Amino acid sequence: MKLPAIGPSGFHEYQVSTDSFTILVGIDQQEVVRYAAPIVSNFIGQPLDNLIRWAKSLGGYRLHPIPTVTPEKSHARRQKGTRGKAKRSR
């Protein structure tokens, strides 16, 4: 599996969704779960594949990588003025 960019936490981050919940999961370079919501805390220290297999059994499974926005990219966007202009109050 191709890993997403490393997030602010220092781990690769995924959004795991089922029909019952949506959570954020952080994994390391070896694809081991390093942090997760309490509902799946028993998967911390286990391979991501174990969590995926369990989530698929619940139905409605989806896995999305969380893109990382670096401060430089965020700052560049503001400089271009794409956020909109504030209206003057009179």
PDB file of N, CA and C in Angstrom:
ATOM      1  N   MET A   1       0.852  -1.171   0.000  1.00  0.00           N
ATOM      2  CA  MET A   1       0.000   0.000   0.000  1.00  0.00           C
ATOM      3  C   MET A   1       0.896   1.231   0.000  1.00  0.00           C
ATOM      4  N   LYS A   2       0.535   2.215  -0.789  1.00  0.00           N
ATOM      5  CA  LYS A   2       1.273   3.471  -0.813  1.00  0.00           C
ATOM      6  C   LYS A   2       0.818   4.320   0.374  1.00  0.00           C
ATOM      7  N   LEU A   3       1.772   4.732   1.187  1.00  0.00           N
ATOM      8  CA  LEU A   3       1.451   5.496   2.387  1.00  0.00           C
ATOM      9  C   LEU A   3       1.214   6.964   2.055  1.00  0.00           C
ATOM     10  N   PRO A   4       0.267   7.610   2.752  1.00  0.00           N
ATOM     11  CA  PRO A   4       0.081   9.056   2.563  1.00  0.00           C
ATOM     12  C   PRO A   4       1.239   9.814   3.203  1.00  0.00           C
ATOM     13  N   ALA A   5       1.250  11.099   3.003  1.00  0.00           N
ATOM     14  CA  ALA A   5       2.295  11.947   3.596  1.00  0.00           C
ATOM     15  C   ALA A   5       2.256  11.841   5.116  1.00  0.00           C
ATOM     16  N   ILE A   6       3.378  12.115   5.736  1.00  0.00           N
ATOM     17  CA  ILE A   6       3.443  12.088   7.204  1.00  0.00           C
ATOM     18  C   ILE A   6       2.740  13.321   7.743  1.00  0.00           C
ATOM     19  N   GLY A   7       1.819  13.111   8.676  1.00  0.00           N
ATOM     20  CA  GLY A   7       1.040  14.201   9.253  1.00  0.00           C
ATOM     21  C   GLY A   7       1.781  14.914  10.359  1.00  0.00           C
ATOM     22  N   PRO A   8       1.132  15.903  10.967  1.00  0.00           N
ATOM     23  CA  PRO A   8       1.748  16.681  12.036  1.00  0.00           C
ATOM     24  C   PRO A   8       2.166  15.826  13.233  1.00  0.00           C
ATOM     25  N   SER A   9       1.525  14.684  13.400  1.00  0.00           N
ATOM     26  CA  SER A   9       1.835  13.800  14.518  1.00  0.00           C
ATOM     27  C   SER A   9       3.112  13.000  14.284  1.00  0.00           C
ATOM     28  N   GLY A  10       3.629  13.027  13.057  1.00  0.00           N
ATOM     29  CA  GLY A  10       4.805  12.234  12.730  1.00  0.00           C
ATOM     30  C   GLY A  10       4.460  10.869  12.175  1.00  0.00           C
ATOM     31  N   PHE A  11       3.186  10.580  11.987  1.00  0.00           N
ATOM     32  CA  PHE A  11       2.731   9.303  11.443  1.00  0.00           C
ATOM     33  C   PHE A  11       1.898   9.539  10.186  1.00  0.00           C
ATOM     34  N   HIS A  12       1.719   8.480   9.408  1.00  0.00           N
ATOM     35  CA  HIS A  12       0.821   8.527   8.259  1.00  0.00           C
ATOM     36  C   HIS A  12      -0.596   8.414   8.816  1.00  0.00           C
ATOM     37  N   GLU A  13      -1.524   9.205   8.275  1.00  0.00           N
ATOM     38  CA  GLU A  13      -2.871   9.231   8.835  1.00  0.00           C
ATOM     39  C   GLU A  13      -3.910   8.796   7.800  1.00  0.00           C
ATOM     40  N   TYR A  14      -4.879   8.023   8.284  1.00  0.00           N
ATOM     41  CA  TYR A  14      -5.984   7.554   7.457  1.00  0.00           C
ATOM     42  C   TYR A  14      -7.304   7.841   8.168  1.00  0.00           C
ATOM     43  N   GLN A  15      -8.333   8.038   7.371  1.00  0.00           N
ATOM     44  CA  GLN A  15      -9.700   8.085   7.880  1.00  0.00           C
ATOM     45  C   GLN A  15     -10.302   6.725   7.571  1.00  0.00           C
ATOM     46  N   VAL A  16     -10.738   6.024   8.596  1.00  0.00           N
ATOM     47  CA  VAL A  16     -11.378   4.727   8.446  1.00  0.00           C
ATOM     48  C   VAL A  16     -12.854   4.916   8.755  1.00  0.00           C
ATOM     49  N   SER A  17     -13.706   4.532   7.808  1.00  0.00           N
ATOM     50  CA  SER A  17     -15.144   4.690   7.993  1.00  0.00           C
ATOM     51  C   SER A  17     -15.867   3.365   7.804  1.00  0.00           C
ATOM     52  N   THR A  18     -16.918   3.190   8.580  1.00  0.00           N
ATOM     53  CA  THR A  18     -17.845   2.070   8.410  1.00  0.00           C
ATOM     54  C   THR A  18     -19.247   2.659   8.510  1.00  0.00           C
ATOM     55  N   ASP A  19     -20.245   1.795   8.454  1.00  0.00           N
ATOM     56  CA  ASP A  19     -21.619   2.271   8.640  1.00  0.00           C
ATOM     57  C   ASP A  19     -21.832   2.794  10.056  1.00  0.00           C
ATOM     58  N   SER A  20     -20.990   2.378  11.005  1.00  0.00           N
ATOM     59  CA  SER A  20     -21.169   2.733  12.415  1.00  0.00           C
ATOM     60  C   SER A  20     -20.331   3.911  12.892  1.00  0.00           C
ATOM     61  N   PHE A  21     -19.172   4.145  12.286  1.00  0.00           N
ATOM     62  CA  PHE A  21     -18.278   5.185  12.792  1.00  0.00           C
ATOM     63  C   PHE A  21     -17.292   5.640  11.727  1.00  0.00           C
ATOM     64  N   THR A  22     -16.653   6.783  12.001  1.00  0.00           N
ATOM     65  CA  THR A  22     -15.527   7.296  11.220  1.00  0.00           C
ATOM     66  C   THR A  22     -14.471   7.742  12.216  1.00  0.00           C
ATOM     67  N   ILE A  23     -13.240   7.262  12.011  1.00  0.00           N
ATOM     68  CA  ILE A  23     -12.168   7.562  12.954  1.00  0.00           C
ATOM     69  C   ILE A  23     -10.896   7.941  12.204  1.00  0.00           C
ATOM     70  N   LEU A  24      -9.963   8.541  12.925  1.00  0.00           N
ATOM     71  CA  LEU A  24      -8.633   8.849  12.424  1.00  0.00           C
ATOM     72  C   LEU A  24      -7.670   7.815  13.003  1.00  0.00           C
ATOM     73  N   VAL A  25      -6.802   7.272  12.138  1.00  0.00           N
ATOM     74  CA  VAL A  25      -5.829   6.274  12.551  1.00  0.00           C
ATOM     75  C   VAL A  25      -4.448   6.725  12.097  1.00  0.00           C
ATOM     76  N   GLY A  26      -3.461   6.643  12.976  1.00  0.00           N
ATOM     77  CA  GLY A  26      -2.070   6.960  12.622  1.00  0.00           C
ATOM     78  C   GLY A  26      -1.256   5.686  12.563  1.00  0.00           C
ATOM     79  N   ILE A  27      -0.500   5.510  11.480  1.00  0.00           N
ATOM     80  CA  ILE A  27       0.339   4.324  11.345  1.00  0.00           C
ATOM     81  C   ILE A  27       1.788   4.738  11.088  1.00  0.00           C
ATOM     82  N   ASP A  28       2.705   3.838  11.403  1.00  0.00           N
ATOM     83  CA  ASP A  28       4.119   4.115  11.162  1.00  0.00           C
ATOM     84  C   ASP A  28       4.542   3.557   9.798  1.00  0.00           C
ATOM     85  N   GLN A  29       5.847   3.608   9.506  1.00  0.00           N
ATOM     86  CA  GLN A  29       6.373   3.154   8.216  1.00  0.00           C
ATOM     87  C   GLN A  29       6.129   1.659   7.983  1.00  0.00           C
ATOM     88  N   GLN A  30       6.007   0.882   9.039  1.00  0.00           N
ATOM     89  CA  GLN A  30       5.771  -0.558   8.912  1.00  0.00           C
ATOM     90  C   GLN A  30       4.283  -0.894   8.853  1.00  0.00           C
ATOM     91  N   GLU A  31       3.433   0.124   8.743  1.00  0.00           N
ATOM     92  CA  GLU A  31       1.974  -0.012   8.681  1.00  0.00           C
ATOM     93  C   GLU A  31       1.397  -0.629   9.955  1.00  0.00           C
ATOM     94  N   VAL A  32       1.973  -0.242  11.086  1.00  0.00           N
ATOM     95  CA  VAL A  32       1.471  -0.653  12.395  1.00  0.00           C
ATOM     96  C   VAL A  32       0.698   0.519  12.976  1.00  0.00           C
ATOM     97  N   VAL A  33      -0.495   0.245  13.502  1.00  0.00           N
ATOM     98  CA  VAL A  33      -1.337   1.290  14.091  1.00  0.00           C
ATOM     99  C   VAL A  33      -0.635   1.835  15.336  1.00  0.00           C
ATOM    100  N   ARG A  34      -0.425   3.149  15.383  1.00  0.00           N
ATOM    101  CA  ARG A  34       0.242   3.792  16.512  1.00  0.00           C
ATOM    102  C   ARG A  34      -0.709   4.613  17.360  1.00  0.00           C
ATOM    103  N   TYR A  35      -1.777   5.129  16.779  1.00  0.00           N
ATOM    104  CA  TYR A  35      -2.828   5.772  17.570  1.00  0.00           C
ATOM    105  C   TYR A  35      -4.138   5.655  16.821  1.00  0.00           C
ATOM    106  N   ALA A  36      -5.212   5.658  17.594  1.00  0.00           N
ATOM    107  CA  ALA A  36      -6.550   5.491  17.027  1.00  0.00           C
ATOM    108  C   ALA A  36      -7.578   5.886  18.081  1.00  0.00           C
ATOM    109  N   ALA A  37      -8.813   6.011  17.651  1.00  0.00           N
ATOM    110  CA  ALA A  37      -9.908   6.347  18.563  1.00  0.00           C
ATOM    111  C   ALA A  37     -10.120   5.210  19.569  1.00  0.00           C
ATOM    112  N   PRO A  38     -10.684   5.538  20.728  1.00  0.00           N
ATOM    113  CA  PRO A  38     -10.902   4.508  21.754  1.00  0.00           C
ATOM    114  C   PRO A  38     -11.701   3.290  21.263  1.00  0.00           C
ATOM    115  N   ILE A  39     -12.596   3.485  20.312  1.00  0.00           N
ATOM    116  CA  ILE A  39     -13.419   2.376  19.833  1.00  0.00           C
ATOM    117  C   ILE A  39     -12.578   1.271  19.186  1.00  0.00           C
ATOM    118  N   VAL A  40     -11.390   1.625  18.698  1.00  0.00           N
ATOM    119  CA  VAL A  40     -10.506   0.629  18.067  1.00  0.00           C
ATOM    120  C   VAL A  40      -9.135   0.573  18.760  1.00  0.00           C
ATOM    121  N   SER A  41      -9.079   0.974  20.003  1.00  0.00           N
ATOM    122  CA  SER A  41      -7.791   1.033  20.699  1.00  0.00           C
ATOM    123  C   SER A  41      -7.122  -0.332  20.829  1.00  0.00           C
ATOM    124  N   ASN A  42      -7.877  -1.421  20.764  1.00  0.00           N
ATOM    125  CA  ASN A  42      -7.263  -2.743  20.845  1.00  0.00           C
ATOM    126  C   ASN A  42      -6.413  -3.060  19.613  1.00  0.00           C
ATOM    127  N   PHE A  43      -6.524  -2.257  18.541  1.00  0.00           N
ATOM    128  CA  PHE A  43      -5.712  -2.461  17.345  1.00  0.00           C
ATOM    129  C   PHE A  43      -4.385  -1.689  17.395  1.00  0.00           C
ATOM    130  N   ILE A  44      -4.177  -0.855  18.394  1.00  0.00           N
ATOM    131  CA  ILE A  44      -2.914  -0.136  18.525  1.00  0.00           C
ATOM    132  C   ILE A  44      -1.799  -1.162  18.754  1.00  0.00           C
ATOM    133  N   GLY A  45      -0.745  -1.058  17.946  1.00  0.00           N
ATOM    134  CA  GLY A  45       0.355  -2.009  18.000  1.00  0.00           C
ATOM    135  C   GLY A  45       0.205  -3.170  17.029  1.00  0.00           C
ATOM    136  N   GLN A  46      -0.962  -3.258  16.374  1.00  0.00           N
ATOM    137  CA  GLN A  46      -1.209  -4.318  15.401  1.00  0.00           C
ATOM    138  C   GLN A  46      -1.077  -3.770  13.987  1.00  0.00           C
ATOM    139  N   PRO A  47      -0.894  -4.647  12.995  1.00  0.00           N
ATOM    140  CA  PRO A  47      -0.850  -4.197  11.603  1.00  0.00           C
ATOM    141  C   PRO A  47      -2.178  -3.566  11.184  1.00  0.00           C
ATOM    142  N   LEU A  48      -2.099  -2.552  10.333  1.00  0.00           N
ATOM    143  CA  LEU A  48      -3.308  -1.884   9.826  1.00  0.00           C
ATOM    144  C   LEU A  48      -4.251  -2.882   9.169  1.00  0.00           C
ATOM    145  N   ASP A  49      -3.719  -3.915   8.535  1.00  0.00           N
ATOM    146  CA  ASP A  49      -4.567  -4.913   7.862  1.00  0.00           C
ATOM    147  C   ASP A  49      -5.554  -5.574   8.823  1.00  0.00           C
ATOM    148  N   ASN A  50      -5.171  -5.763  10.079  1.00  0.00           N
ATOM    149  CA  ASN A  50      -6.097  -6.351  11.055  1.00  0.00           C
ATOM    150  C   ASN A  50      -7.293  -5.429  11.282  1.00  0.00           C
ATOM    151  N   LEU A  51      -7.033  -4.137  11.411  1.00  0.00           N
ATOM    152  CA  LEU A  51      -8.113  -3.163  11.595  1.00  0.00           C
ATOM    153  C   LEU A  51      -8.999  -3.118  10.350  1.00  0.00           C
ATOM    154  N   ILE A  52      -8.391  -3.138   9.177  1.00  0.00           N
ATOM    155  CA  ILE A  52      -9.154  -3.095   7.926  1.00  0.00           C
ATOM    156  C   ILE A  52     -10.057  -4.323   7.811  1.00  0.00           C
ATOM    157  N   ARG A  53      -9.520  -5.500   8.103  1.00  0.00           N
ATOM    158  CA  ARG A  53     -10.315  -6.734   8.025  1.00  0.00           C
ATOM    159  C   ARG A  53     -11.532  -6.650   8.942  1.00  0.00           C
ATOM    160  N   TRP A  54     -11.330  -6.146  10.161  1.00  0.00           N
ATOM    161  CA  TRP A  54     -12.436  -6.021  11.115  1.00  0.00           C
ATOM    162  C   TRP A  54     -13.447  -4.990  10.635  1.00  0.00           C
ATOM    163  N   ALA A  55     -12.960  -3.840  10.149  1.00  0.00           N
ATOM    164  CA  ALA A  55     -13.858  -2.780   9.682  1.00  0.00           C
ATOM    165  C   ALA A  55     -14.696  -3.260   8.493  1.00  0.00           C
ATOM    166  N   LYS A  56     -14.098  -4.039   7.596  1.00  0.00           N
ATOM    167  CA  LYS A  56     -14.849  -4.577   6.452  1.00  0.00           C
ATOM    168  C   LYS A  56     -15.992  -5.477   6.916  1.00  0.00           C
ATOM    169  N   SER A  57     -15.786  -6.205   7.999  1.00  0.00           N
ATOM    170  CA  SER A  57     -16.834  -7.103   8.504  1.00  0.00           C
ATOM    171  C   SER A  57     -18.041  -6.345   9.051  1.00  0.00           C
ATOM    172  N   LEU A  58     -17.866  -5.057   9.362  1.00  0.00           N
ATOM    173  CA  LEU A  58     -18.965  -4.249   9.901  1.00  0.00           C
ATOM    174  C   LEU A  58     -19.871  -3.690   8.812  1.00  0.00           C
ATOM    175  N   GLY A  59     -19.362  -3.610   7.585  1.00  0.00           N
ATOM    176  CA  GLY A  59     -20.146  -3.083   6.465  1.00  0.00           C
ATOM    177  C   GLY A  59     -19.900  -1.598   6.244  1.00  0.00           C
ATOM    178  N   GLY A  60     -19.937  -1.191   4.986  1.00  0.00           N
ATOM    179  CA  GLY A  60     -19.764   0.209   4.623  1.00  0.00           C
ATOM    180  C   GLY A  60     -18.336   0.704   4.775  1.00  0.00           C
ATOM    181  N   TYR A  61     -17.367  -0.203   4.694  1.00  0.00           N
ATOM    182  CA  TYR A  61     -15.962   0.135   4.921  1.00  0.00           C
ATOM    183  C   TYR A  61     -15.413   1.084   3.852  1.00  0.00           C
ATOM    184  N   ARG A  62     -14.668   2.101   4.307  1.00  0.00           N
ATOM    185  CA  ARG A  62     -13.943   3.017   3.419  1.00  0.00           C
ATOM    186  C   ARG A  62     -12.648   3.420   4.119  1.00  0.00           C
ATOM    187  N   LEU A  63     -11.571   3.559   3.342  1.00  0.00           N
ATOM    188  CA  LEU A  63     -10.276   3.980   3.863  1.00  0.00           C
ATOM    189  C   LEU A  63      -9.775   5.114   2.990  1.00  0.00           C
ATOM    190  N   HIS A  64      -9.517   6.269   3.601  1.00  0.00           N
ATOM    191  CA  HIS A  64      -9.052   7.439   2.861  1.00  0.00           C
ATOM    192  C   HIS A  64      -7.779   7.977   3.510  1.00  0.00           C
ATOM    193  N   PRO A  65      -6.718   8.180   2.717  1.00  0.00           N
ATOM    194  CA  PRO A  65      -5.533   8.832   3.278  1.00  0.00           C
ATOM    195  C   PRO A  65      -5.844  10.289   3.596  1.00  0.00           C
ATOM    196  N   ILE A  66      -5.279  10.801   4.662  1.00  0.00           N
ATOM    197  CA  ILE A  66      -5.464  12.191   5.052  1.00  0.00           C
ATOM    198  C   ILE A  66      -4.307  12.988   4.452  1.00  0.00           C
ATOM    199  N   PRO A  67      -4.597  13.909   3.536  1.00  0.00           N
ATOM    200  CA  PRO A  67      -3.506  14.717   2.969  1.00  0.00           C
ATOM    201  C   PRO A  67      -2.967  15.691   4.011  1.00  0.00           C
ATOM    202  N   THR A  68      -1.695  15.963   3.920  1.00  0.00           N
ATOM    203  CA  THR A  68      -1.054  16.886   4.848  1.00  0.00           C
ATOM    204  C   THR A  68      -0.821  18.210   4.154  1.00  0.00           C
ATOM    205  N   VAL A  69      -1.267  19.295   4.772  1.00  0.00           N
ATOM    206  CA  VAL A  69      -1.040  20.638   4.241  1.00  0.00           C
ATOM    207  C   VAL A  69       0.096  21.242   5.044  1.00  0.00           C
ATOM    208  N   THR A  70       1.165  21.553   4.370  1.00  0.00           N
ATOM    209  CA  THR A  70       2.297  22.159   5.058  1.00  0.00           C
ATOM    210  C   THR A  70       2.026  23.637   5.279  1.00  0.00           C
ATOM    211  N   PRO A  71       2.619  24.235   6.302  1.00  0.00           N
ATOM    212  CA  PRO A  71       2.396  25.663   6.541  1.00  0.00           C
ATOM    213  C   PRO A  71       2.769  26.520   5.331  1.00  0.00           C
ATOM    214  N   GLU A  72       3.785  26.110   4.574  1.00  0.00           N
ATOM    215  CA  GLU A  72       4.196  26.902   3.407  1.00  0.00           C
ATOM    216  C   GLU A  72       3.088  26.948   2.370  1.00  0.00           C
ATOM    217  N   LYS A  73       2.433  25.817   2.113  1.00  0.00           N
ATOM    218  CA  LYS A  73       1.349  25.777   1.131  1.00  0.00           C
ATOM    219  C   LYS A  73       0.172  26.616   1.601  1.00  0.00           C
ATOM    220  N   SER A  74      -0.150  26.501   2.877  1.00  0.00           N
ATOM    221  CA  SER A  74      -1.260  27.264   3.424  1.00  0.00           C
ATOM    222  C   SER A  74      -0.979  28.767   3.331  1.00  0.00           C
ATOM    223  N   HIS A  75       0.245  29.178   3.635  1.00  0.00           N
ATOM    224  CA  HIS A  75       0.624  30.580   3.579  1.00  0.00           C
ATOM    225  C   HIS A  75       0.586  31.095   2.139  1.00  0.00           C
ATOM    226  N   ALA A  76       1.046  30.278   1.190  1.00  0.00           N
ATOM    227  CA  ALA A  76       1.046  30.696  -0.215  1.00  0.00           C
ATOM    228  C   ALA A  76      -0.370  30.942  -0.709  1.00  0.00           C
ATOM    229  N   ARG A  77      -1.300  30.142  -0.275  1.00  0.00           N
ATOM    230  CA  ARG A  77      -2.685  30.309  -0.699  1.00  0.00           C
ATOM    231  C   ARG A  77      -3.239  31.641  -0.199  1.00  0.00           C
ATOM    232  N   ARG A  78      -2.905  32.000   1.031  1.00  0.00           N
ATOM    233  CA  ARG A  78      -3.378  33.281   1.569  1.00  0.00           C
ATOM    234  C   ARG A  78      -2.788  34.455   0.815  1.00  0.00           C
ATOM    235  N   GLN A  79      -1.547  34.343   0.416  1.00  0.00           N
ATOM    236  CA  GLN A  79      -0.899  35.433  -0.300  1.00  0.00           C
ATOM    237  C   GLN A  79      -1.577  35.693  -1.642  1.00  0.00           C
ATOM    238  N   LYS A  80      -2.106  34.652  -2.276  1.00  0.00           N
ATOM    239  CA  LYS A  80      -2.759  34.804  -3.570  1.00  0.00           C
ATOM    240  C   LYS A  80      -4.149  35.427  -3.433  1.00  0.00           C
ATOM    241  N   GLY A  81      -4.661  35.477  -2.218  1.00  0.00           N
ATOM    242  CA  GLY A  81      -5.968  36.095  -2.004  1.00  0.00           C
ATOM    243  C   GLY A  81      -7.138  35.206  -2.369  1.00  0.00           C
ATOM    244  N   THR A  82      -6.986  33.900  -2.298  1.00  0.00           N
ATOM    245  CA  THR A  82      -8.068  32.994  -2.669  1.00  0.00           C
ATOM    246  C   THR A  82      -9.084  32.801  -1.553  1.00  0.00           C
ATOM    247  N   ARG A  83      -8.827  33.357  -0.397  1.00  0.00           N
ATOM    248  CA  ARG A  83      -9.748  33.188   0.726  1.00  0.00           C
ATOM    249  C   ARG A  83     -10.909  34.152   0.674  1.00  0.00           C
ATOM    250  N   GLY A  84     -10.878  35.105  -0.198  1.00  0.00           N
ATOM    251  CA  GLY A  84     -11.962  36.090  -0.269  1.00  0.00           C
ATOM    252  C   GLY A  84     -11.575  37.351   0.465  1.00  0.00           C
ATOM    253  N   LYS A  85     -12.232  38.402   0.122  1.00  0.00           N
ATOM    254  CA  LYS A  85     -11.917  39.685   0.741  1.00  0.00           C
ATOM    255  C   LYS A  85     -13.005  40.054   1.756  1.00  0.00           C
ATOM    256  N   ALA A  86     -12.573  40.611   2.852  1.00  0.00           N
ATOM    257  CA  ALA A  86     -13.513  41.039   3.871  1.00  0.00           C
ATOM    258  C   ALA A  86     -14.231  42.302   3.414  1.00  0.00           C
ATOM    259  N   LYS A  87     -15.509  42.372   3.757  1.00  0.00           N
ATOM    260  CA  LYS A  87     -16.276  43.570   3.408  1.00  0.00           C
ATOM    261  C   LYS A  87     -16.007  44.654   4.431  1.00  0.00           C
ATOM    262  N   ARG A  88     -15.964  45.846   3.955  1.00  0.00           N
ATOM    263  CA  ARG A  88     -15.785  46.987   4.870  1.00  0.00           C
ATOM    264  C   ARG A  88     -17.107  47.312   5.560  1.00  0.00           C
ATOM    265  N   SER A  89     -17.012  47.601   6.826  1.00  0.00           N
ATOM    266  CA  SER A  89     -18.220  48.029   7.537  1.00  0.00           C
ATOM    267  C   SER A  89     -18.194  49.560   7.599  1.00  0.00           C
ATOM    268  N   ARG A  90     -19.311  50.139   7.454  1.00  0.00           N
ATOM    269  CA  ARG A  90     -19.394  51.614   7.470  1.00  0.00           C
ATOM    270  C   ARG A  90     -20.102  52.113   8.681  1.00  0.00           C
TER     271      ARG A  90
END
